[in-house]
Structures are given as structure tokens and as C-alpha cells.
């Protein structure tokens, strides 16, 4: 049956069969992929947040904050304090048990604690 195809149809048939072979190989790789969570936690960094913000699926709030970071107005470490509204990606990351949100990044609580401590003279 294939031998009876005209030459112009034969080229299209060959491209179709090549695409089918590639699709089957991709399907096999997908079926063999382990979807279980990898052990350990992932750490949130400024680079990770920048990658999230550059994603086509990033929220408008995340994109606006990324623009502010790019202009030098603020930094990723202060996203919880300076983003208004707080991007939903932050809540998702903080709610994920496999994600380690940095404890040393400033939060409203740490800002309040720093502001309420009395000044101490160094030799006291």
C-alpha cells in the first residue's frame, strides 16, 4: 500500500511516521518518569522567585513586584513586607511542606521586634 503512494504523498507520510515515532518515545519517557516527591526540601531563594515571576503563568502581583525589584526599588527578600497585594505564589510556597521559606528574611514580626527594643549603650 505504501509503495503505491505518489512521491509527494510519500514525503508527507514519512514526516508523519517520524512524528509518531517521536511521540511514542516521549510517551515512553513520560510513563517511566517517577512522579513521587524527591526526599528533602527545596530552599526559596531570590533566584527562584525571579524565575517564578518570569513565568508566563505568574500572577500580576508577582510580575509587578519583579518590576520593582528590577528597578532597584526593593529586593526579593522583602516581598512579604513590600508587596501589595502579596502574590499568591508566596502563600503557596509557604504552605508547601517541602519548601523551606528562609527564616532570616525580614517579616513584619521581625521588623516590629527590632523597632520595639530599647537602645542599649555598647558598654552596658
C-alpha atoms as a PDB file:
ATOM      1  CA  UNK A   1       0.000   0.000   0.000  1.00  0.00           C
ATOM      2  CA  UNK A   2       2.797   2.467   0.879  1.00  0.00           C
ATOM      3  CA  UNK A   3       4.583   1.709  -2.362  1.00  0.00           C
ATOM      4  CA  UNK A   4       1.574   2.906  -4.348  1.00  0.00           C
ATOM      5  CA  UNK A   5       1.713   6.410  -2.849  1.00  0.00           C
ATOM      6  CA  UNK A   6       2.808   9.200  -5.180  1.00  0.00           C
ATOM      7  CA  UNK A   7       6.201  10.783  -4.320  1.00  0.00           C
ATOM      8  CA  UNK A   8       4.751  14.000  -2.848  1.00  0.00           C
ATOM      9  CA  UNK A   9       2.446  11.985  -0.569  1.00  0.00           C
ATOM     10  CA  UNK A  10       5.300   9.644   0.376  1.00  0.00           C
ATOM     11  CA  UNK A  11       7.306  12.567   1.850  1.00  0.00           C
ATOM     12  CA  UNK A  12       4.311  13.647   3.940  1.00  0.00           C
ATOM     13  CA  UNK A  13       3.772  10.057   5.062  1.00  0.00           C
ATOM     14  CA  UNK A  14       7.427   9.767   6.144  1.00  0.00           C
ATOM     15  CA  UNK A  15       7.186  13.011   8.169  1.00  0.00           C
ATOM     16  CA  UNK A  16       4.010  11.747   9.814  1.00  0.00           C
ATOM     17  CA  UNK A  17       5.590   8.440  10.754  1.00  0.00           C
ATOM     18  CA  UNK A  18       8.689  10.205  12.137  1.00  0.00           C
ATOM     19  CA  UNK A  19       6.459  12.423  14.280  1.00  0.00           C
ATOM     20  CA  UNK A  20       4.562   9.369  15.529  1.00  0.00           C
ATOM     21  CA  UNK A  21       7.842   7.703  16.497  1.00  0.00           C
ATOM     22  CA  UNK A  22       8.962  10.807  18.400  1.00  0.00           C
ATOM     23  CA  UNK A  23       5.587  10.995  20.141  1.00  0.00           C
ATOM     24  CA  UNK A  24       5.834   7.340  21.166  1.00  0.00           C
ATOM     25  CA  UNK A  25       9.344   7.918  22.560  1.00  0.00           C
ATOM     26  CA  UNK A  26       8.105  10.925  24.561  1.00  0.00           C
ATOM     27  CA  UNK A  27       5.168   8.869  25.854  1.00  0.00           C
ATOM     28  CA  UNK A  28       7.520   6.098  26.967  1.00  0.00           C
ATOM     29  CA  UNK A  29       9.765   8.600  28.791  1.00  0.00           C
ATOM     30  CA  UNK A  30       6.719  10.120  30.491  1.00  0.00           C
ATOM     31  CA  UNK A  31       5.453   6.726  31.625  1.00  0.00           C
ATOM     32  CA  UNK A  32       8.870   5.880  33.049  1.00  0.00           C
ATOM     33  CA  UNK A  33       9.185   9.150  34.977  1.00  0.00           C
ATOM     34  CA  UNK A  34       8.896   8.841  38.753  1.00  0.00           C
ATOM     35  CA  UNK A  35       6.377  11.432  39.921  1.00  0.00           C
ATOM     36  CA  UNK A  36       6.907  10.840  43.603  1.00  0.00           C
ATOM     37  CA  UNK A  37       8.279  13.771  45.526  1.00  0.00           C
ATOM     38  CA  UNK A  38      12.003  13.772  45.912  1.00  0.00           C
ATOM     39  CA  UNK A  39      13.220  13.491  49.509  1.00  0.00           C
ATOM     40  CA  UNK A  40      14.322  16.685  51.193  1.00  0.00           C
ATOM     41  CA  UNK A  41      13.186  20.224  50.932  1.00  0.00           C
ATOM     42  CA  UNK A  42      13.759  22.942  48.373  1.00  0.00           C
ATOM     43  CA  UNK A  43      15.015  26.282  49.582  1.00  0.00           C
ATOM     44  CA  UNK A  44      13.459  29.513  48.363  1.00  0.00           C
ATOM     45  CA  UNK A  45      15.990  31.958  47.003  1.00  0.00           C
ATOM     46  CA  UNK A  46      15.792  35.280  45.210  1.00  0.00           C
ATOM     47  CA  UNK A  47      16.691  33.432  42.005  1.00  0.00           C
ATOM     48  CA  UNK A  48      13.758  31.036  42.439  1.00  0.00           C
ATOM     49  CA  UNK A  49      11.348  33.924  42.975  1.00  0.00           C
ATOM     50  CA  UNK A  50      12.742  35.714  39.909  1.00  0.00           C
ATOM     51  CA  UNK A  51      12.210  32.553  37.835  1.00  0.00           C
ATOM     52  CA  UNK A  52       8.638  32.276  39.104  1.00  0.00           C
ATOM     53  CA  UNK A  53       7.991  35.906  38.224  1.00  0.00           C
ATOM     54  CA  UNK A  54       9.320  35.416  34.691  1.00  0.00           C
ATOM     55  CA  UNK A  55       6.942  32.506  34.109  1.00  0.00           C
ATOM     56  CA  UNK A  56       4.038  33.154  31.720  1.00  0.00           C
ATOM     57  CA  UNK A  57       1.726  31.906  34.479  1.00  0.00           C
ATOM     58  CA  UNK A  58       2.981  34.363  37.112  1.00  0.00           C
ATOM     59  CA  UNK A  59       0.323  36.397  38.858  1.00  0.00           C
ATOM     60  CA  UNK A  60       0.009  40.107  38.183  1.00  0.00           C
ATOM     61  CA  UNK A  61       1.165  40.879  41.736  1.00  0.00           C
ATOM     62  CA  UNK A  62       4.295  38.770  41.279  1.00  0.00           C
ATOM     63  CA  UNK A  63       5.074  40.446  37.956  1.00  0.00           C
ATOM     64  CA  UNK A  64       4.620  43.936  39.453  1.00  0.00           C
ATOM     65  CA  UNK A  65       6.948  43.086  42.326  1.00  0.00           C
ATOM     66  CA  UNK A  66       9.518  41.676  39.885  1.00  0.00           C
ATOM     67  CA  UNK A  67       9.420  45.002  38.021  1.00  0.00           C
ATOM     68  CA  UNK A  68      10.064  46.825  41.288  1.00  0.00           C
ATOM     69  CA  UNK A  69      12.997  44.522  42.062  1.00  0.00           C
ATOM     70  CA  UNK A  70      14.413  45.050  38.562  1.00  0.00           C
ATOM     71  CA  UNK A  71      14.233  48.817  39.002  1.00  0.00           C
ATOM     72  CA  UNK A  72      16.140  48.587  42.294  1.00  0.00           C
ATOM     73  CA  UNK A  73      13.233  49.887  44.360  1.00  0.00           C
ATOM     74  CA  UNK A  74      13.200  46.791  46.603  1.00  0.00           C
ATOM     75  CA  UNK A  75      14.569  43.247  46.886  1.00  0.00           C
ATOM     76  CA  UNK A  76      13.087  39.767  46.804  1.00  0.00           C
ATOM     77  CA  UNK A  77      13.947  39.282  50.479  1.00  0.00           C
ATOM     78  CA  UNK A  78      11.375  41.943  51.398  1.00  0.00           C
ATOM     79  CA  UNK A  79       8.491  40.562  49.336  1.00  0.00           C
ATOM     80  CA  UNK A  80       6.377  39.802  52.408  1.00  0.00           C
ATOM     81  CA  UNK A  81       6.688  43.388  53.623  1.00  0.00           C
ATOM     82  CA  UNK A  82       6.589  45.431  50.459  1.00  0.00           C
ATOM     83  CA  UNK A  83       4.350  43.526  48.041  1.00  0.00           C
ATOM     84  CA  UNK A  84       0.830  44.824  47.989  1.00  0.00           C
ATOM     85  CA  UNK A  85      -1.081  42.624  47.467  1.00  0.00           C
ATOM     86  CA  UNK A  86       1.045  39.666  48.444  1.00  0.00           C
ATOM     87  CA  UNK A  87       1.420  37.393  45.384  1.00  0.00           C
ATOM     88  CA  UNK A  88      -0.437  34.084  45.697  1.00  0.00           C
ATOM     89  CA  UNK A  89       2.806  32.286  44.804  1.00  0.00           C
ATOM     90  CA  UNK A  90       4.240  33.324  48.180  1.00  0.00           C
ATOM     91  CA  UNK A  91       1.334  31.766  50.084  1.00  0.00           C
ATOM     92  CA  UNK A  92       1.632  28.596  48.007  1.00  0.00           C
ATOM     93  CA  UNK A  93       5.362  28.324  48.660  1.00  0.00           C
ATOM     94  CA  UNK A  94       4.981  28.959  52.381  1.00  0.00           C
ATOM     95  CA  UNK A  95       2.147  26.424  52.619  1.00  0.00           C
ATOM     96  CA  UNK A  96       4.079  23.644  50.907  1.00  0.00           C
ATOM     97  CA  UNK A  97       5.718  21.317  53.468  1.00  0.00           C
ATOM     98  CA  UNK A  98       8.546  20.508  51.031  1.00  0.00           C
ATOM     99  CA  UNK A  99       9.513  24.162  50.625  1.00  0.00           C
ATOM    100  CA  UNK A 100      11.829  25.869  53.082  1.00  0.00           C
ATOM    101  CA  UNK A 101      10.985  29.569  53.291  1.00  0.00           C
ATOM    102  CA  UNK A 102      14.042  31.450  54.605  1.00  0.00           C
ATOM    103  CA  UNK A 103      13.701  32.351  58.272  1.00  0.00           C
ATOM    104  CA  UNK A 104      16.279  35.133  58.013  1.00  0.00           C
ATOM    105  CA  UNK A 105      14.223  37.152  55.513  1.00  0.00           C
ATOM    106  CA  UNK A 106      12.536  40.097  57.203  1.00  0.00           C
ATOM    107  CA  UNK A 107       8.902  39.765  58.130  1.00  0.00           C
ATOM    108  CA  UNK A 108       6.533  42.195  59.793  1.00  0.00           C
ATOM    109  CA  UNK A 109       7.155  40.430  63.128  1.00  0.00           C
ATOM    110  CA  UNK A 110      10.923  40.811  62.966  1.00  0.00           C
ATOM    111  CA  UNK A 111      10.559  44.439  61.860  1.00  0.00           C
ATOM    112  CA  UNK A 112       8.293  45.132  64.864  1.00  0.00           C
ATOM    113  CA  UNK A 113      10.678  43.376  67.262  1.00  0.00           C
ATOM    114  CA  UNK A 114      13.628  45.423  66.040  1.00  0.00           C
ATOM    115  CA  UNK A 115      11.681  48.670  66.402  1.00  0.00           C
ATOM    116  CA  UNK A 116      10.482  47.983  69.973  1.00  0.00           C
ATOM    117  CA  UNK A 117      13.814  47.043  71.523  1.00  0.00           C
ATOM    118  CA  UNK A 118      15.309  49.853  73.591  1.00  0.00           C
ATOM    119  CA  UNK A 119      18.597  51.340  72.572  1.00  0.00           C
ATOM    120  CA  UNK A 120      21.491  49.951  74.575  1.00  0.00           C
ATOM    121  CA  UNK A 121      24.805  51.607  75.089  1.00  0.00           C
ATOM    122  CA  UNK A 122      27.501  49.168  73.900  1.00  0.00           C
ATOM    123  CA  UNK A 123      29.402  49.075  77.233  1.00  0.00           C
ATOM    124  CA  UNK A 124      26.298  48.150  79.256  1.00  0.00           C
END
